[in-house]
Amino acid sequence: MDIDISPEQLVNRVVQSRQGSVAEAAQVHVLKKAMNLQEAASATLLNSVAGSLPLASGGAVGTQLNAMV
């Protein structure tokens, strides 16, 4: 099998491949950071809505889990 490729073309392809890998790694890093920010924001929102509501003291519902809807 005869493959005709110049050393310059080979170097260019390797450089392009590495640049793509760096770009993908940067995108994944930004995505993870955005997901962590969304996680923190949603936890803050849920905690502010729920607060510390007391459980029911009697009855069949709400004595183990706050079932307030």
Protein backbone atom coordinates (compact mmCIF):
# COMPACT_ATOMS: atom_id res chain seq x y z
CA MET A 1 0.00 0.00 0.00
CA ASP A 2 1.47 3.29 -1.07
CA ILE A 3 0.48 6.36 0.95
CA ASP A 4 1.68 9.64 -0.44
CA ILE A 5 1.53 12.32 2.23
CA SER A 6 4.02 15.05 2.80
CA PRO A 7 5.50 15.61 6.24
CA GLU A 8 3.92 19.08 6.25
CA GLN A 9 0.45 17.63 5.69
CA LEU A 10 1.01 15.07 8.40
CA VAL A 11 2.08 17.75 10.88
CA ASN A 12 -0.90 19.94 9.95
CA ARG A 13 -3.33 17.06 10.55
CA VAL A 14 -1.80 16.24 13.93
CA VAL A 15 -1.96 19.91 14.98
CA GLN A 16 -5.60 20.16 13.88
CA SER A 17 -6.45 17.02 15.81
CA ARG A 18 -4.84 18.35 18.98
CA GLN A 19 -6.56 21.71 18.63
CA GLY A 20 -9.89 19.90 18.35
CA SER A 21 -9.13 17.92 21.49
CA VAL A 22 -8.29 21.07 23.44
CA ALA A 23 -11.48 22.75 22.24
CA GLU A 24 -13.55 19.73 23.26
CA ALA A 25 -11.94 19.66 26.70
CA ALA A 26 -12.70 23.35 27.16
CA GLN A 27 -16.32 22.83 26.14
CA VAL A 28 -16.72 19.95 28.59
CA HIS A 29 -15.18 22.06 31.36
CA VAL A 30 -17.59 24.94 30.66
CA LEU A 31 -20.53 22.54 30.53
CA LYS A 32 -19.61 20.98 33.89
CA LYS A 33 -19.24 24.42 35.46
CA ALA A 34 -22.66 25.48 34.11
CA MET A 35 -24.26 22.30 35.46
CA ASN A 36 -22.71 22.89 38.89
CA LEU A 37 -24.06 26.45 38.90
CA GLN A 38 -27.52 25.22 37.94
CA GLU A 39 -27.38 22.59 40.68
CA ALA A 40 -26.53 25.23 43.29
CA ALA A 41 -29.22 27.60 42.03
CA SER A 42 -31.91 24.91 42.05
CA ALA A 43 -30.93 23.78 45.55
CA THR A 44 -31.12 27.37 46.77
CA LEU A 45 -34.52 27.81 45.15
CA LEU A 46 -35.89 24.59 46.62
CA ASN A 47 -34.58 25.44 50.09
CA SER A 48 -36.11 28.90 49.97
CA VAL A 49 -39.50 27.53 48.93
CA ALA A 50 -39.60 24.69 51.44
CA GLY A 51 -37.88 26.41 54.34
CA SER A 52 -38.31 24.54 57.58
CA LEU A 53 -41.98 23.64 57.61
CA PRO A 54 -43.08 21.59 60.63
CA LEU A 55 -44.41 18.07 60.27
CA ALA A 56 -47.98 17.32 61.19
CA SER A 57 -48.38 16.31 64.82
CA GLY A 58 -51.36 14.04 64.32
CA GLY A 59 -53.39 12.27 61.66
CA ALA A 60 -52.55 9.69 59.03
CA VAL A 61 -50.59 11.92 56.65
CA GLY A 62 -47.65 14.22 57.13
CA THR A 63 -46.17 12.91 60.37
CA GLN A 64 -43.04 11.41 58.72
CA LEU A 65 -42.82 13.44 55.53
CA ASN A 66 -43.99 16.97 54.90
CA ALA A 67 -46.86 16.42 52.48
CA MET A 68 -47.85 20.05 52.14
CA VAL A 69 -48.88 20.74 48.53
